[in-house]
Amino acid sequence: MNGRRIGLAALGLASLTAYLFVAVVGYRVLVSLWASRPSPATLALAVLTTAAVLGLVSYWTGTTRLKRSLDAVALPRSRAPSVYERLEQLVARMEVETPTLLIARLPVPNAFAIGGFGSAIVVDRRLFGILSTEEMEALLAHELAHLEGRDALVQTLAYSLTQSLVGLVGLLVFPVVVLLGGIAQAVAMLRGDPSSWSRSWLGRTQRTALRAVAVLGLGVTLLAFAYSRRREWAADDRAVEVTGNPLALARALRKIERASTPQLGPLTPLYVHGDEDGTLSKLLSTHPPMDDRVARLVERAERPLPQRFRRP
């Protein structure tokens, strides 16, 4: 027993010496870097530029990969002349270039906009049999609003910036966390109880630092989701503004929701699904609850629109 304790003490002393040596060297390196540090403006510009470049690269490569992964084809005008006519009318009233209209077989009936080199709107082919012309127009207006606001690009750049800041904080905290954990383990071995290091104040400080970085990362993610939900509201509002028909969009959203819900018949009671109305589900969702969106559109239909669009 005494031999084990002596061995642990020796190992602990060696570990403590090594970690203290690393701490001294690290301190001198930091002092040297601090002495030659750039101005705060230069550092901020470097961080912003790096985040912007990484965000742009992620955006362009992501949209390019997405387009390649889709088994989508351009919709011939002869197949849907009324849809193309409505699309051109919407483009004329919005600050956006005419996107390519693609049809695909998506996992669920839906539609989404793709920016990047050559914008496009991808529509699941089943929607042409589900939605009326007015409902399809409202859905296209919603997707055009995303392209008009460059929502995907803005979200990618914002997320890249915040993630870069979180990464910078993590990079600054990581050496301290490793050092605290190493010293705590070395001291615990010197005391002959290696497992007690996590209960020491050094171990608790290490866990607190790790949790702080994790909470910061989670906060950034939640902010990104919240911004995405806000842009969905804005796209709904813009679609209503240019079409003057909030009920058409409400009907389109409700039909898409019904078409995306599994129809299991007698097996329905066995279907396991999440609580879409739960607080956690709402926080982790990129879209607002469908019921809230539809209710908001119905409410807008019940009051006069400031600039309702009327067809000649």
Protein backbone atom coordinates (compact mmCIF):
# COMPACT_ATOMS: atom_id res chain seq x y z
CA MET A 1 0.00 0.00 0.00
CA ASN A 2 2.79 2.37 0.91
CA GLY A 3 4.57 1.49 -2.33
CA ARG A 4 1.44 2.37 -4.32
CA ARG A 5 1.14 5.71 -2.55
CA ILE A 6 4.81 6.45 -3.13
CA GLY A 7 4.39 5.58 -6.81
CA LEU A 8 1.31 7.80 -7.12
CA ALA A 9 3.12 10.63 -5.32
CA ALA A 10 6.09 10.33 -7.66
CA LEU A 11 3.83 10.25 -10.70
CA GLY A 12 1.84 13.18 -9.36
CA LEU A 13 4.99 15.18 -8.69
CA ALA A 14 6.27 14.48 -12.20
CA SER A 15 2.90 15.44 -13.73
CA LEU A 16 2.71 18.60 -11.64
CA THR A 17 6.24 19.57 -12.67
CA ALA A 18 5.40 18.98 -16.34
CA TYR A 19 2.17 21.01 -16.19
CA LEU A 20 3.86 23.85 -14.32
CA PHE A 21 6.63 23.87 -16.93
CA VAL A 22 4.00 24.07 -19.68
CA ALA A 23 2.27 26.86 -17.77
CA VAL A 24 5.49 28.89 -17.51
CA VAL A 25 6.32 28.40 -21.19
CA GLY A 26 2.76 29.22 -22.17
CA TYR A 27 2.81 32.34 -20.04
CA ARG A 28 5.99 33.56 -21.71
CA VAL A 29 4.56 32.86 -25.15
CA LEU A 30 1.41 34.80 -24.27
CA VAL A 31 3.46 37.71 -22.95
CA SER A 32 5.45 37.73 -26.18
CA LEU A 33 2.30 37.62 -28.29
CA TRP A 34 0.68 40.35 -26.19
CA ALA A 35 3.71 42.59 -26.68
CA SER A 36 3.45 42.23 -30.46
CA ARG A 37 -0.33 42.23 -30.58
CA PRO A 38 -2.09 44.11 -33.37
CA SER A 39 -4.42 46.97 -32.65
CA PRO A 40 -7.98 46.05 -31.60
CA ALA A 41 -9.28 47.42 -34.90
CA THR A 42 -6.86 45.24 -36.89
CA LEU A 43 -7.75 42.17 -34.84
CA ALA A 44 -11.48 42.79 -35.23
CA LEU A 45 -11.05 43.31 -38.98
CA ALA A 46 -9.09 40.06 -39.26
CA VAL A 47 -11.76 38.11 -37.37
CA LEU A 48 -14.60 39.65 -39.39
CA THR A 49 -12.82 39.07 -42.69
CA THR A 50 -12.02 35.46 -41.86
CA ALA A 51 -15.58 34.79 -40.73
CA ALA A 52 -17.00 36.44 -43.86
CA VAL A 53 -14.73 34.45 -46.18
CA LEU A 54 -15.53 31.18 -44.43
CA GLY A 55 -19.24 32.02 -44.49
CA LEU A 56 -19.20 32.82 -48.21
CA VAL A 57 -17.28 29.66 -49.03
CA SER A 58 -19.71 27.62 -46.94
CA TYR A 59 -22.69 29.29 -48.61
CA TRP A 60 -21.50 28.87 -52.21
CA THR A 61 -20.25 25.32 -51.76
CA GLY A 62 -23.34 24.35 -49.75
CA THR A 63 -25.80 25.62 -52.35
CA THR A 64 -23.78 24.03 -55.15
CA ARG A 65 -23.75 20.65 -53.39
CA LEU A 66 -27.46 20.94 -52.68
CA LYS A 67 -28.29 21.58 -56.32
CA ARG A 68 -26.18 18.62 -57.40
CA SER A 69 -27.74 16.32 -54.84
CA LEU A 70 -31.29 17.07 -55.95
CA ASP A 71 -32.83 14.96 -58.65
CA ALA A 72 -34.52 18.11 -59.96
CA VAL A 73 -35.30 19.20 -63.51
CA ALA A 74 -36.45 22.50 -64.93
CA LEU A 75 -40.20 22.75 -65.27
CA PRO A 76 -41.10 23.33 -68.94
CA ARG A 77 -43.22 26.41 -69.45
CA SER A 78 -45.62 24.41 -71.60
CA ARG A 79 -46.41 22.18 -68.62
CA ALA A 80 -47.48 25.05 -66.34
CA PRO A 81 -48.01 28.28 -68.29
CA SER A 82 -50.25 29.83 -65.60
CA VAL A 83 -47.62 29.20 -62.91
CA TYR A 84 -44.95 30.86 -65.02
CA GLU A 85 -47.25 33.81 -65.69
CA ARG A 86 -47.85 34.30 -61.97
CA LEU A 87 -44.14 33.89 -61.27
CA GLU A 88 -43.22 36.61 -63.77
CA GLN A 89 -45.83 38.95 -62.29
CA LEU A 90 -44.40 38.39 -58.81
CA VAL A 91 -40.84 39.01 -59.99
CA ALA A 92 -41.95 42.27 -61.61
CA ARG A 93 -43.26 43.48 -58.23
CA MET A 94 -40.26 42.34 -56.20
CA GLU A 95 -36.57 43.18 -56.15
CA VAL A 96 -35.40 39.79 -57.32
CA GLU A 97 -34.25 38.18 -60.54
CA THR A 98 -36.33 35.46 -62.13
CA PRO A 99 -35.24 32.15 -60.59
CA THR A 100 -35.21 28.80 -62.33
CA LEU A 101 -38.29 26.79 -61.45
CA LEU A 102 -37.29 23.21 -60.68
CA ILE A 103 -39.46 20.21 -59.89
CA ALA A 104 -38.28 17.26 -57.82
CA ARG A 105 -39.52 14.38 -55.73
CA LEU A 106 -38.73 15.57 -52.23
CA PRO A 107 -39.06 13.41 -49.10
CA VAL A 108 -42.23 15.35 -48.24
CA PRO A 109 -44.32 17.74 -50.35
CA ASN A 110 -42.63 21.10 -49.93
CA ALA A 111 -40.86 23.95 -51.70
CA PHE A 112 -37.72 25.93 -50.96
CA ALA A 113 -35.49 28.57 -52.51
CA ILE A 114 -31.82 28.12 -53.38
CA GLY A 115 -29.51 31.10 -53.82
CA GLY A 116 -25.91 31.11 -54.94
CA PHE A 117 -24.89 30.98 -58.59
CA GLY A 118 -28.21 30.99 -60.40
CA SER A 119 -31.11 31.16 -57.95
CA ALA A 120 -33.83 28.55 -58.13
CA ILE A 121 -37.07 27.54 -56.49
CA VAL A 122 -37.50 23.81 -56.01
CA VAL A 123 -41.08 22.55 -55.85
CA ASP A 124 -42.13 19.02 -55.10
CA ARG A 125 -44.04 17.71 -58.11
CA ARG A 126 -46.93 16.56 -55.90
CA LEU A 127 -47.77 20.16 -55.01
CA PHE A 128 -49.01 20.81 -58.54
CA GLY A 129 -51.81 18.35 -57.86
CA ILE A 130 -52.51 19.64 -54.36
CA LEU A 131 -52.42 23.43 -54.66
CA SER A 132 -54.60 25.73 -56.71
CA THR A 133 -53.04 28.37 -58.94
CA GLU A 134 -53.55 31.09 -56.32
CA GLU A 135 -52.09 28.89 -53.58
CA MET A 136 -49.08 28.08 -55.74
CA GLU A 137 -48.64 31.80 -56.44
CA ALA A 138 -48.65 32.56 -52.70
CA LEU A 139 -46.11 29.81 -52.06
CA LEU A 140 -43.84 31.12 -54.83
CA ALA A 141 -44.13 34.63 -53.40
CA HIS A 142 -42.99 33.30 -50.02
CA GLU A 143 -39.93 31.65 -51.57
CA LEU A 144 -39.17 34.73 -53.68
CA ALA A 145 -39.21 36.77 -50.48
CA HIS A 146 -36.40 34.58 -49.14
CA LEU A 147 -34.40 35.22 -52.31
CA GLU A 148 -35.20 38.93 -52.19
CA GLY A 149 -33.92 39.22 -48.63
CA ARG A 150 -30.94 36.92 -49.31
CA ASP A 151 -31.96 35.15 -46.14
CA ALA A 152 -29.78 32.06 -46.60
CA LEU A 153 -26.68 34.16 -47.27
CA VAL A 154 -27.28 36.49 -44.32
CA GLN A 155 -27.94 33.57 -41.97
CA THR A 156 -24.82 31.75 -43.13
CA LEU A 157 -22.62 34.83 -42.66
CA ALA A 158 -24.11 35.61 -39.25
CA TYR A 159 -23.70 32.02 -38.11
CA SER A 160 -20.11 31.93 -39.39
CA LEU A 161 -19.28 35.12 -37.48
CA THR A 162 -20.81 33.98 -34.21
CA GLN A 163 -19.26 30.52 -34.52
CA SER A 164 -15.87 32.14 -35.16
CA LEU A 165 -16.27 34.18 -31.98
CA VAL A 166 -17.26 31.07 -30.02
CA GLY A 167 -14.28 29.23 -31.50
CA LEU A 168 -11.99 32.09 -30.49
CA VAL A 169 -13.30 31.97 -26.94
CA GLY A 170 -12.87 28.21 -26.90
CA LEU A 171 -9.32 28.55 -28.19
CA LEU A 172 -8.49 30.98 -25.39
CA VAL A 173 -10.17 28.83 -22.74
CA PHE A 174 -8.82 25.46 -23.90
CA PRO A 175 -5.22 25.85 -22.59
CA VAL A 176 -6.53 27.04 -19.23
CA VAL A 177 -8.96 24.11 -19.04
CA VAL A 178 -6.24 21.57 -19.87
CA LEU A 179 -3.86 23.16 -17.36
CA LEU A 180 -6.44 23.22 -14.57
CA GLY A 181 -7.39 19.61 -15.19
CA GLY A 182 -3.76 18.49 -15.32
CA ILE A 183 -2.79 20.26 -12.11
CA ALA A 184 -5.91 18.93 -10.36
CA GLN A 185 -5.07 15.34 -11.37
CA ALA A 186 -1.41 15.76 -10.37
CA VAL A 187 -2.36 17.11 -6.92
CA ALA A 188 -4.87 14.28 -6.45
CA MET A 189 -2.15 11.72 -7.21
CA LEU A 190 0.18 13.43 -4.76
CA ARG A 191 -2.53 12.99 -2.14
CA GLY A 192 -2.88 9.30 -3.05
CA ASP A 193 -6.49 9.62 -4.28
CA PRO A 194 -6.45 10.05 -8.10
CA SER A 195 -10.25 9.98 -8.41
CA SER A 196 -10.68 13.01 -6.14
CA TRP A 197 -9.40 15.53 -8.69
CA SER A 198 -12.85 16.17 -10.15
CA ARG A 199 -14.14 17.20 -6.72
CA SER A 200 -11.40 19.74 -6.11
CA TRP A 201 -11.93 23.43 -6.81
CA LEU A 202 -9.61 23.13 -9.81
CA GLY A 203 -11.72 20.31 -11.23
CA ARG A 204 -14.92 22.24 -10.59
CA THR A 205 -13.42 25.32 -12.25
CA GLN A 206 -12.53 23.23 -15.29
CA ARG A 207 -16.09 21.90 -15.59
CA THR A 208 -17.49 25.40 -15.19
CA ALA A 209 -15.29 26.72 -18.00
CA LEU A 210 -16.30 23.86 -20.31
CA ARG A 211 -19.97 24.41 -19.52
CA ALA A 212 -19.63 28.13 -20.20
CA VAL A 213 -18.24 27.46 -23.67
CA ALA A 214 -20.97 24.87 -24.31
CA VAL A 215 -23.69 27.29 -23.17
CA LEU A 216 -22.22 29.99 -25.41
CA GLY A 217 -22.31 27.62 -28.39
CA LEU A 218 -25.89 26.60 -27.59
CA GLY A 219 -26.89 30.26 -27.27
CA VAL A 220 -25.47 31.01 -30.72
CA THR A 221 -27.41 28.07 -32.18
CA LEU A 222 -30.66 29.20 -30.55
CA LEU A 223 -30.14 32.73 -31.87
CA ALA A 224 -29.63 31.34 -35.38
CA PHE A 225 -32.87 29.35 -35.11
CA ALA A 226 -34.72 32.38 -33.77
CA TYR A 227 -33.48 34.51 -36.67
CA SER A 228 -34.58 31.82 -39.12
CA ARG A 229 -38.09 31.81 -37.61
CA ARG A 230 -38.20 35.60 -37.83
CA ARG A 231 -37.34 35.46 -41.52
CA GLU A 232 -40.18 32.99 -42.07
CA TRP A 233 -42.60 35.49 -40.57
CA ALA A 234 -41.12 38.19 -42.80
CA ALA A 235 -41.43 36.00 -45.89
CA ASP A 236 -45.10 35.36 -45.06
CA ASP A 237 -45.68 39.11 -44.71
CA ARG A 238 -43.91 39.87 -47.97
CA ALA A 239 -45.93 37.21 -49.80
CA VAL A 240 -49.15 38.75 -48.50
CA GLU A 241 -47.94 42.21 -49.49
CA VAL A 242 -47.31 41.28 -53.14
CA THR A 243 -50.26 38.91 -53.62
CA GLY A 244 -52.84 40.59 -51.40
CA ASN A 245 -54.20 37.14 -50.61
CA PRO A 246 -53.24 35.91 -47.12
CA LEU A 247 -55.83 33.13 -47.20
CA ALA A 248 -54.21 31.59 -50.28
CA LEU A 249 -50.93 31.25 -48.43
CA ALA A 250 -52.73 29.95 -45.33
CA ARG A 251 -54.47 27.28 -47.41
CA ALA A 252 -51.19 26.35 -49.14
CA LEU A 253 -49.40 25.94 -45.81
CA ARG A 254 -52.20 23.87 -44.35
CA LYS A 255 -52.37 21.60 -47.41
CA ILE A 256 -48.60 21.10 -47.32
CA GLU A 257 -48.83 20.24 -43.64
CA ARG A 258 -51.57 17.67 -44.24
CA ALA A 259 -49.72 16.16 -47.19
CA SER A 260 -46.56 15.84 -45.09
CA THR A 261 -48.31 14.07 -42.19
CA PRO A 262 -48.14 10.27 -42.32
CA GLN A 263 -51.51 8.69 -43.05
CA LEU A 264 -51.29 5.38 -41.22
CA GLY A 265 -54.98 4.55 -40.93
CA PRO A 266 -55.52 1.92 -38.20
CA LEU A 267 -51.83 2.24 -37.26
CA THR A 268 -52.16 5.92 -36.34
CA PRO A 269 -52.32 5.26 -32.55
CA LEU A 270 -48.97 3.46 -32.85
CA TYR A 271 -47.26 6.37 -34.63
CA VAL A 272 -44.66 8.01 -32.40
CA HIS A 273 -44.23 11.73 -32.90
CA GLY A 274 -42.80 14.66 -31.00
CA ASP A 275 -44.66 17.42 -29.22
CA GLU A 276 -44.62 20.15 -31.84
CA ASP A 277 -46.08 22.64 -29.39
CA GLY A 278 -43.45 22.06 -26.73
CA THR A 279 -41.18 24.92 -25.74
CA LEU A 280 -38.02 22.99 -26.58
CA SER A 281 -39.39 21.99 -30.00
CA LYS A 282 -40.18 25.62 -30.77
CA LEU A 283 -36.73 26.81 -29.70
CA LEU A 284 -34.99 24.18 -31.83
CA SER A 285 -37.15 24.73 -34.90
CA THR A 286 -36.13 26.82 -37.91
CA HIS A 287 -39.80 27.52 -38.73
CA PRO A 288 -42.58 28.94 -36.55
CA PRO A 289 -45.41 26.56 -35.62
CA MET A 290 -47.73 26.03 -38.57
CA ASP A 291 -50.83 26.80 -36.50
CA ASP A 292 -49.38 30.17 -35.51
CA ARG A 293 -48.51 31.04 -39.11
CA VAL A 294 -51.95 30.09 -40.41
CA ALA A 295 -53.74 31.94 -37.59
CA ARG A 296 -51.68 35.05 -38.31
CA LEU A 297 -52.54 34.91 -42.00
CA VAL A 298 -56.24 34.44 -41.26
CA GLU A 299 -56.12 37.43 -38.92
CA ARG A 300 -54.56 39.53 -41.68
CA ALA A 301 -57.33 38.50 -44.03
CA GLU A 302 -59.92 39.78 -41.57
CA ARG A 303 -58.59 43.32 -41.59
CA PRO A 304 -58.08 45.64 -44.57
CA LEU A 305 -54.68 45.32 -46.17
CA PRO A 306 -52.88 48.68 -46.56
CA GLN A 307 -51.97 48.04 -50.18
CA ARG A 308 -53.96 45.04 -51.33
CA PHE A 309 -52.97 43.85 -54.75
CA ARG A 310 -55.91 43.64 -57.14
CA ARG A 311 -55.76 42.05 -60.54
CA PRO A 312 -57.02 44.12 -63.48
